């Protein structure tokens, strides 16, 4: 059984990519992924926010301010 996850969040989309979710489309600023897991969008958001990936993304955004 597959599950469709739609998100506008670039960081979350990258997280889905590295967690073996299949990008199946992009429309109206939404990345559309198919996953074989039963996890909901909210489940994925929580996993992402608790991951080192989210901390990395936040650090990049913070450091980007120095370049302006």
N, C-alpha and C. Protein backbone atom coordinates (compact mmCIF):
# COMPACT_ATOMS: atom_id res chain seq x y z
N UNK A 1 0.84 -1.19 0.00
CA UNK A 1 0.00 0.00 0.00
C UNK A 1 0.88 1.24 0.00
N UNK A 2 0.54 2.23 -0.81
CA UNK A 2 1.33 3.45 -0.87
C UNK A 2 0.56 4.60 -0.25
N UNK A 3 1.31 5.62 0.12
CA UNK A 3 0.78 6.80 0.77
C UNK A 3 1.32 8.01 0.03
N UNK A 4 0.49 9.02 -0.22
CA UNK A 4 0.91 10.24 -0.91
C UNK A 4 1.13 11.34 0.13
N UNK A 5 2.29 11.98 0.05
CA UNK A 5 2.64 13.09 0.93
C UNK A 5 2.89 14.32 0.06
N UNK A 6 2.24 15.45 0.38
CA UNK A 6 2.42 16.70 -0.35
C UNK A 6 2.96 17.75 0.61
N UNK A 7 4.01 18.46 0.20
CA UNK A 7 4.58 19.50 1.04
C UNK A 7 5.17 20.62 0.20
N UNK A 8 5.14 21.83 0.75
CA UNK A 8 5.81 22.97 0.13
C UNK A 8 7.19 23.19 0.76
N UNK A 9 7.47 22.53 1.87
CA UNK A 9 8.71 22.74 2.61
C UNK A 9 9.89 22.06 1.91
N UNK A 10 10.84 22.84 1.47
CA UNK A 10 12.00 22.31 0.77
C UNK A 10 12.81 21.36 1.66
N UNK A 11 13.02 21.74 2.91
CA UNK A 11 13.78 20.88 3.82
C UNK A 11 13.11 19.54 4.04
N UNK A 12 11.81 19.55 4.23
CA UNK A 12 11.06 18.30 4.41
C UNK A 12 11.10 17.46 3.14
N UNK A 13 11.00 18.11 1.99
CA UNK A 13 11.07 17.38 0.72
C UNK A 13 12.42 16.67 0.59
N UNK A 14 13.50 17.35 0.94
CA UNK A 14 14.82 16.73 0.89
C UNK A 14 14.90 15.56 1.88
N UNK A 15 14.30 15.73 3.06
CA UNK A 15 14.27 14.67 4.06
C UNK A 15 13.51 13.45 3.53
N UNK A 16 12.39 13.68 2.86
CA UNK A 16 11.65 12.57 2.26
C UNK A 16 12.51 11.87 1.21
N UNK A 17 13.23 12.65 0.42
CA UNK A 17 14.14 12.09 -0.59
C UNK A 17 15.16 11.13 0.03
N UNK A 18 15.81 11.57 1.08
CA UNK A 18 16.88 10.74 1.65
C UNK A 18 16.32 9.59 2.48
N UNK A 19 15.00 9.58 2.69
CA UNK A 19 14.36 8.47 3.39
C UNK A 19 13.59 7.57 2.42
N UNK A 20 14.06 7.53 1.20
CA UNK A 20 13.58 6.60 0.17
C UNK A 20 12.13 6.78 -0.24
N UNK A 21 11.62 7.98 -0.13
CA UNK A 21 10.30 8.28 -0.68
C UNK A 21 10.49 8.67 -2.15
N UNK A 22 9.53 8.35 -2.96
CA UNK A 22 9.64 8.57 -4.40
C UNK A 22 8.94 9.87 -4.79
N UNK A 23 9.70 10.82 -5.35
CA UNK A 23 9.11 12.05 -5.87
C UNK A 23 8.32 11.69 -7.13
N UNK A 24 7.01 11.95 -7.10
CA UNK A 24 6.17 11.59 -8.24
C UNK A 24 5.61 12.79 -8.97
N UNK A 25 5.81 13.99 -8.41
CA UNK A 25 5.30 15.17 -9.09
C UNK A 25 5.61 16.45 -8.36
N UNK A 26 5.37 17.55 -9.05
CA UNK A 26 5.52 18.89 -8.49
C UNK A 26 4.46 19.76 -9.14
N UNK A 27 3.59 20.34 -8.32
CA UNK A 27 2.55 21.22 -8.87
C UNK A 27 2.15 22.27 -7.85
N UNK A 28 1.96 23.47 -8.32
CA UNK A 28 1.54 24.59 -7.47
C UNK A 28 2.39 24.71 -6.21
N UNK A 29 3.70 24.65 -6.39
CA UNK A 29 4.67 24.77 -5.30
C UNK A 29 4.68 23.59 -4.33
N UNK A 30 3.99 22.52 -4.63
CA UNK A 30 3.98 21.33 -3.78
C UNK A 30 4.86 20.23 -4.38
N UNK A 31 5.70 19.65 -3.53
CA UNK A 31 6.43 18.44 -3.88
C UNK A 31 5.49 17.28 -3.52
N UNK A 32 5.32 16.34 -4.41
CA UNK A 32 4.41 15.22 -4.18
C UNK A 32 5.23 13.94 -4.15
N UNK A 33 5.16 13.26 -3.02
CA UNK A 33 5.93 12.04 -2.80
C UNK A 33 5.01 10.86 -2.58
N UNK A 34 5.49 9.70 -2.99
CA UNK A 34 4.83 8.44 -2.70
C UNK A 34 5.73 7.65 -1.77
N UNK A 35 5.15 7.10 -0.73
CA UNK A 35 5.91 6.32 0.23
C UNK A 35 5.17 5.03 0.53
N UNK A 36 5.91 4.00 0.84
CA UNK A 36 5.28 2.71 1.16
C UNK A 36 4.88 2.63 2.63
N UNK A 37 5.26 3.62 3.42
CA UNK A 37 4.93 3.59 4.85
C UNK A 37 3.52 4.15 5.09
N UNK A 38 3.00 3.88 6.25
CA UNK A 38 1.67 4.37 6.65
C UNK A 38 1.75 5.76 7.29
N UNK A 39 2.94 6.34 7.38
CA UNK A 39 3.13 7.61 8.08
C UNK A 39 2.44 8.76 7.35
N UNK A 40 1.84 9.62 8.14
CA UNK A 40 1.15 10.80 7.60
C UNK A 40 2.14 11.94 7.40
N UNK A 41 1.66 13.01 6.77
CA UNK A 41 2.48 14.20 6.61
C UNK A 41 2.96 14.69 7.98
N UNK A 42 2.08 14.70 8.96
CA UNK A 42 2.44 15.16 10.31
C UNK A 42 3.53 14.28 10.92
N UNK A 43 3.43 12.96 10.71
CA UNK A 43 4.47 12.04 11.20
C UNK A 43 5.82 12.39 10.58
N UNK A 44 5.84 12.64 9.27
CA UNK A 44 7.08 12.98 8.58
C UNK A 44 7.63 14.31 9.07
N UNK A 45 6.74 15.29 9.30
CA UNK A 45 7.18 16.60 9.80
C UNK A 45 7.86 16.45 11.17
N UNK A 46 7.30 15.64 12.02
CA UNK A 46 7.88 15.43 13.35
C UNK A 46 9.23 14.73 13.25
N UNK A 47 9.31 13.71 12.40
CA UNK A 47 10.60 13.02 12.22
C UNK A 47 11.66 13.98 11.70
N UNK A 48 11.27 14.83 10.75
CA UNK A 48 12.21 15.81 10.19
C UNK A 48 12.67 16.81 11.25
N UNK A 49 11.72 17.34 12.02
CA UNK A 49 12.07 18.34 13.04
C UNK A 49 12.97 17.77 14.14
N UNK A 50 12.90 16.48 14.38
CA UNK A 50 13.73 15.83 15.38
C UNK A 50 15.04 15.28 14.80
N UNK A 51 15.27 15.50 13.54
CA UNK A 51 16.46 14.96 12.88
C UNK A 51 17.60 15.98 12.84
N UNK A 52 18.78 15.47 12.55
CA UNK A 52 19.92 16.37 12.37
C UNK A 52 19.75 17.21 11.11
N UNK A 53 18.94 16.75 10.17
CA UNK A 53 18.70 17.50 8.93
C UNK A 53 18.06 18.85 9.21
N UNK A 54 17.09 18.89 10.10
CA UNK A 54 16.43 20.15 10.44
C UNK A 54 17.40 21.11 11.11
N UNK A 55 18.24 20.57 11.99
CA UNK A 55 19.24 21.42 12.66
C UNK A 55 20.24 21.96 11.64
N UNK A 56 20.62 21.14 10.68
CA UNK A 56 21.53 21.56 9.62
C UNK A 56 20.90 22.68 8.79
N UNK A 57 19.64 22.50 8.39
CA UNK A 57 18.95 23.51 7.59
C UNK A 57 18.85 24.83 8.34
N UNK A 58 18.54 24.78 9.63
CA UNK A 58 18.45 26.00 10.44
C UNK A 58 19.81 26.70 10.53
N UNK A 59 20.89 25.92 10.67
CA UNK A 59 22.23 26.50 10.73
C UNK A 59 22.59 27.17 9.41
N UNK A 60 22.24 26.56 8.30
CA UNK A 60 22.51 27.15 6.98
C UNK A 60 21.80 28.50 6.86
N UNK A 61 20.53 28.55 7.24
CA UNK A 61 19.77 29.80 7.15
C UNK A 61 20.37 30.87 8.06
N UNK A 62 20.80 30.48 9.23
CA UNK A 62 21.41 31.43 10.17
C UNK A 62 22.73 31.97 9.61
N UNK A 63 23.53 31.09 9.05
CA UNK A 63 24.84 31.51 8.51
C UNK A 63 24.69 32.32 7.22
N UNK A 64 23.63 32.08 6.48
CA UNK A 64 23.39 32.82 5.24
C UNK A 64 23.28 34.32 5.50
N UNK A 65 22.82 34.70 6.68
CA UNK A 65 22.67 36.11 7.04
C UNK A 65 24.00 36.85 6.98
N UNK A 66 25.11 36.16 7.22
CA UNK A 66 26.43 36.79 7.18
C UNK A 66 26.84 37.18 5.76
N UNK A 67 26.29 36.53 4.78
CA UNK A 67 26.65 36.78 3.39
C UNK A 67 25.97 38.00 2.80
N UNK A 68 25.00 38.56 3.49
CA UNK A 68 24.26 39.71 2.95
C UNK A 68 24.94 41.01 3.29
